[in-house]
Amino acid sequence: EASRFFAKVAARYKGCVQAIEVWNEMNLDREWTIPSRQIEAADYARFLQTVSPAIREIDPNILIVMGALSPTGSSSPGKYMDDFEYMDQFVATGGLQHVDCVGVHLNGYNLPPDKAWDEGYNDTTAAFRVPVDNPNHSWSFKSTLFGYYEKTKKPMCVTEFGWASMDKLMTRPKADTPPQPLDPAAPDGFGFALDNTEQEQADWIVQGFQIMRDSGFVR
């Protein structure tokens, strides 16, 4: 079924699109579920073994992109897997031979793009303290991008990228104090966005693009 679906997509858009990203965040159970099985990169590798040839038969010139992982940075059996661990498994199973490019999701949270997770960066005015109190590669744009490349030595295709900001929902009484939320109904899980001004968002997006360009391995 999957190979027929992707073949139909490739045929319909042949000559109109340059790449197809096959799936999305397969290290999350809500995106990739096999009954009575834990999340395993080998399952996705086998999936590509069927799907990729079907796409190439229709359009040999299309770029096949590995579905980007969610930068979880930790594992919970049956729910999600650490993206670095998943990538190691995917490489070990030979999955890279079925893709031309590795999909990447880069959420900078409230860290600048040039800061690795283990460089000791600490914005003392930040209200979202998790990257400092629980440092992990997943919080860092830089660590995710270069970590994936170190593991795969494959071109990277960034399919989600940026820094969220809730600047308009914040008030900053003093320059050296954490911002205070004006809207208590801000979305769950986006506390880090309260720390990012719109100017930081703009600066970091430009800087992030420059880092990707200078890397030499981002398509």
Protein backbone atom coordinates (compact mmCIF):
# COMPACT_ATOMS: atom_id res chain seq x y z
CA GLU A 1 0.00 0.00 0.00
CA ALA A 2 2.70 2.48 0.98
CA SER A 3 4.77 1.88 -2.14
CA ARG A 4 1.71 2.37 -4.36
CA PHE A 5 0.84 5.60 -2.55
CA PHE A 6 4.32 7.06 -2.92
CA ALA A 7 4.50 5.94 -6.56
CA LYS A 8 1.24 7.79 -7.25
CA VAL A 9 2.58 10.93 -5.54
CA ALA A 10 5.83 10.73 -7.52
CA ALA A 11 3.94 10.25 -10.78
CA ARG A 12 1.49 13.08 -10.13
CA TYR A 13 4.18 15.61 -9.28
CA LYS A 14 7.02 14.42 -11.50
CA GLY A 15 8.85 17.45 -12.82
CA CYS A 16 7.09 19.72 -10.31
CA VAL A 17 8.87 18.79 -7.08
CA GLN A 18 12.53 18.11 -6.47
CA ALA A 19 12.28 16.01 -3.30
CA ILE A 20 9.99 13.75 -1.31
CA GLU A 21 10.37 13.40 2.45
CA VAL A 22 9.26 9.90 3.37
CA TRP A 23 7.32 10.13 6.64
CA ASN A 24 7.77 12.33 9.67
CA GLU A 25 9.18 11.93 13.20
CA MET A 26 9.19 8.13 13.19
CA ASN A 27 10.67 8.08 16.70
CA LEU A 28 7.28 9.13 18.16
CA ASP A 29 4.46 6.65 18.74
CA ARG A 30 1.83 9.08 17.43
CA GLU A 31 3.64 9.13 14.08
CA TRP A 32 4.84 5.53 13.83
CA THR A 33 2.92 2.71 15.48
CA ILE A 34 3.26 -1.02 15.00
CA PRO A 35 0.97 -3.04 17.31
CA SER A 36 2.78 -4.99 20.05
CA ARG A 37 6.15 -3.57 19.01
CA GLN A 38 8.50 -0.98 20.41
CA ILE A 39 9.75 1.82 18.18
CA GLU A 40 12.62 0.44 16.10
CA ALA A 41 14.57 2.15 13.35
CA ALA A 42 14.87 -1.18 11.54
CA ASP A 43 11.13 -1.06 10.78
CA TYR A 44 11.51 2.28 9.03
CA ALA A 45 14.57 1.02 7.14
CA ARG A 46 12.52 -1.93 5.84
CA PHE A 47 9.75 0.49 4.89
CA LEU A 48 12.19 2.51 2.80
CA GLN A 49 13.49 -0.65 1.20
CA THR A 50 10.08 -0.98 -0.46
CA VAL A 51 9.10 2.66 -0.90
CA SER A 52 12.33 4.18 -2.26
CA PRO A 53 12.59 1.89 -5.34
CA ALA A 54 8.94 2.59 -6.14
CA ILE A 55 9.63 6.32 -6.14
CA ARG A 56 12.83 6.02 -8.17
CA GLU A 57 11.12 3.88 -10.79
CA ILE A 58 8.79 6.80 -11.48
CA ASP A 59 11.33 9.60 -11.13
CA PRO A 60 15.02 8.59 -10.98
CA ASN A 61 16.06 12.21 -10.44
CA ILE A 62 14.00 12.93 -7.34
CA LEU A 63 15.72 13.50 -4.00
CA ILE A 64 14.51 11.03 -1.36
CA VAL A 65 14.70 12.53 2.11
CA MET A 66 14.71 10.48 5.30
CA GLY A 67 11.79 11.51 7.47
CA ALA A 68 13.10 13.98 10.04
CA LEU A 69 13.18 12.76 13.63
CA SER A 70 11.74 14.62 16.59
CA PRO A 71 14.64 15.93 18.69
CA THR A 72 13.47 14.20 21.86
CA GLY A 73 16.84 13.67 23.52
CA SER A 74 15.44 10.87 25.68
CA SER A 75 13.51 7.61 25.42
CA SER A 76 10.31 6.22 26.88
CA PRO A 77 9.66 2.64 25.72
CA GLY A 78 6.64 2.45 23.46
CA LYS A 79 6.20 6.23 23.34
CA TYR A 80 9.33 7.83 21.90
CA MET A 81 13.01 7.20 21.30
CA ASP A 82 16.04 9.45 21.68
CA ASP A 83 16.71 10.79 18.19
CA PHE A 84 20.46 10.14 18.44
CA GLU A 85 19.81 6.54 19.49
CA TYR A 86 17.30 6.13 16.65
CA MET A 87 19.79 7.53 14.16
CA ASP A 88 22.48 5.11 15.36
CA GLN A 89 20.07 2.21 14.83
CA PHE A 90 19.04 3.49 11.40
CA VAL A 91 22.68 3.72 10.29
CA ALA A 92 23.45 0.26 11.69
CA THR A 93 20.58 -1.32 9.73
CA GLY A 94 21.82 0.13 6.44
CA GLY A 95 18.88 2.48 6.08
CA LEU A 96 21.01 5.30 4.71
CA GLN A 97 21.42 3.50 1.38
CA HIS A 98 17.73 4.13 0.66
CA VAL A 99 17.83 7.92 1.06
CA ASP A 100 19.75 10.77 -0.56
CA CYS A 101 19.43 13.22 2.30
CA VAL A 102 18.74 13.12 6.05
CA GLY A 103 15.72 15.12 7.16
CA VAL A 104 16.31 17.38 10.16
CA HIS A 105 13.99 19.26 12.50
CA LEU A 106 15.81 22.13 14.20
CA ASN A 107 13.97 23.80 17.04
CA GLY A 108 16.29 26.23 18.76
CA TYR A 109 14.12 26.53 21.90
CA ASN A 110 15.78 29.40 23.82
CA LEU A 111 19.41 28.69 22.86
CA PRO A 112 21.24 30.67 20.16
CA PRO A 113 22.20 28.68 17.05
CA ASP A 114 25.93 28.78 17.75
CA LYS A 115 25.67 27.19 21.21
CA ALA A 116 26.10 23.45 21.71
CA TRP A 117 24.22 21.77 24.53
CA ASP A 118 27.42 21.13 26.53
CA GLU A 119 29.09 24.53 26.15
CA GLY A 120 27.72 25.86 29.43
CA TYR A 121 25.45 28.52 27.90
CA ASN A 122 23.22 30.07 30.56
CA ASP A 123 20.95 33.05 29.99
CA THR A 124 20.33 34.11 33.58
CA THR A 125 17.17 36.01 32.57
CA ALA A 126 15.55 32.95 30.95
CA ALA A 127 12.44 31.62 32.66
CA PHE A 128 12.63 28.27 30.84
CA ARG A 129 15.51 26.61 32.69
CA VAL A 130 15.41 23.04 31.34
CA PRO A 131 18.34 23.36 28.88
CA VAL A 132 20.48 24.52 31.81
CA ASP A 133 19.11 22.24 34.54
CA ASN A 134 18.81 19.18 32.27
CA PRO A 135 21.32 19.77 29.45
CA ASN A 136 20.81 17.55 26.42
CA HIS A 137 21.70 17.59 22.73
CA SER A 138 18.05 17.96 21.75
CA TRP A 139 17.84 21.53 23.05
CA SER A 140 20.53 22.76 20.69
CA PHE A 141 20.25 23.65 16.98
CA LYS A 142 24.01 23.24 16.64
CA SER A 143 24.24 19.90 18.46
CA THR A 144 21.35 18.37 16.52
CA LEU A 145 22.61 19.46 13.10
CA PHE A 146 26.25 18.51 13.56
CA GLY A 147 25.39 15.44 15.64
CA TYR A 148 23.31 13.96 12.83
CA TYR A 149 26.01 14.66 10.27
CA GLU A 150 28.68 13.07 12.43
CA LYS A 151 26.59 9.92 12.62
CA THR A 152 25.54 9.73 8.96
CA LYS A 153 28.08 11.65 6.85
CA LYS A 154 25.11 12.29 4.57
CA PRO A 155 23.74 15.61 3.26
CA MET A 156 21.19 17.21 5.57
CA CYS A 157 17.80 18.49 4.43
CA VAL A 158 16.26 20.78 7.04
CA THR A 159 12.47 20.50 6.84
CA GLU A 160 11.52 22.33 10.07
CA PHE A 161 13.54 25.19 11.47
CA GLY A 162 13.20 28.23 13.67
CA TRP A 163 12.74 29.82 17.08
CA ALA A 164 9.32 30.45 18.56
CA SER A 165 8.64 33.83 20.17
CA MET A 166 5.79 35.09 22.29
CA ASP A 167 7.28 38.54 22.60
CA LYS A 168 3.92 40.28 22.23
CA LEU A 169 2.57 38.29 25.20
CA MET A 170 5.36 39.35 27.54
CA THR A 171 6.35 42.27 29.72
CA ARG A 172 9.91 42.81 30.91
CA PRO A 173 9.90 45.14 33.92
CA LYS A 174 13.71 45.23 34.12
CA ALA A 175 16.45 44.21 31.73
CA ASP A 176 18.02 41.81 34.23
CA THR A 177 14.83 40.00 35.28
CA PRO A 178 12.97 37.10 33.63
CA PRO A 179 10.04 38.07 31.41
CA GLN A 180 6.58 37.83 32.91
CA PRO A 181 3.69 36.32 30.91
CA LEU A 182 0.70 38.52 30.17
CA ASP A 183 -1.37 35.62 28.84
CA PRO A 184 -1.62 32.61 31.20
CA ALA A 185 -3.24 30.59 28.37
CA ALA A 186 -0.02 30.35 26.36
CA PRO A 187 0.22 26.86 24.74
CA ASP A 188 1.56 24.03 26.86
CA GLY A 189 5.08 22.99 25.96
CA PHE A 190 6.07 26.38 24.58
CA GLY A 191 7.41 27.98 27.72
CA PHE A 192 10.76 28.51 26.02
CA ALA A 193 9.12 30.89 23.53
CA LEU A 194 8.47 33.35 26.35
CA ASP A 195 12.23 33.96 26.58
CA ASN A 196 12.77 34.82 22.92
CA THR A 197 12.28 38.38 21.75
CA GLU A 198 11.27 38.98 18.15
CA GLN A 199 14.68 40.55 17.57
CA GLU A 200 16.41 37.42 18.88
CA GLN A 201 14.14 35.32 16.68
CA ALA A 202 15.12 37.36 13.62
CA ASP A 203 18.82 37.39 14.45
CA TRP A 204 19.00 33.68 15.25
CA ILE A 205 17.14 32.61 12.11
CA VAL A 206 19.62 34.56 9.96
CA GLN A 207 22.56 33.19 11.97
CA GLY A 208 21.15 29.67 11.70
CA PHE A 209 20.92 29.95 7.92
CA GLN A 210 24.51 31.15 7.80
CA ILE A 211 25.71 28.23 9.95
CA MET A 212 23.91 25.79 7.66
CA ARG A 213 25.39 27.42 4.55
CA ASP A 214 28.89 27.42 5.99
CA SER A 215 28.63 23.78 7.09
CA GLY A 216 28.92 22.53 3.52
CA PHE A 217 26.61 19.59 4.14
CA VAL A 218 23.15 21.16 4.26
CA ARG A 219 21.25 20.95 0.97
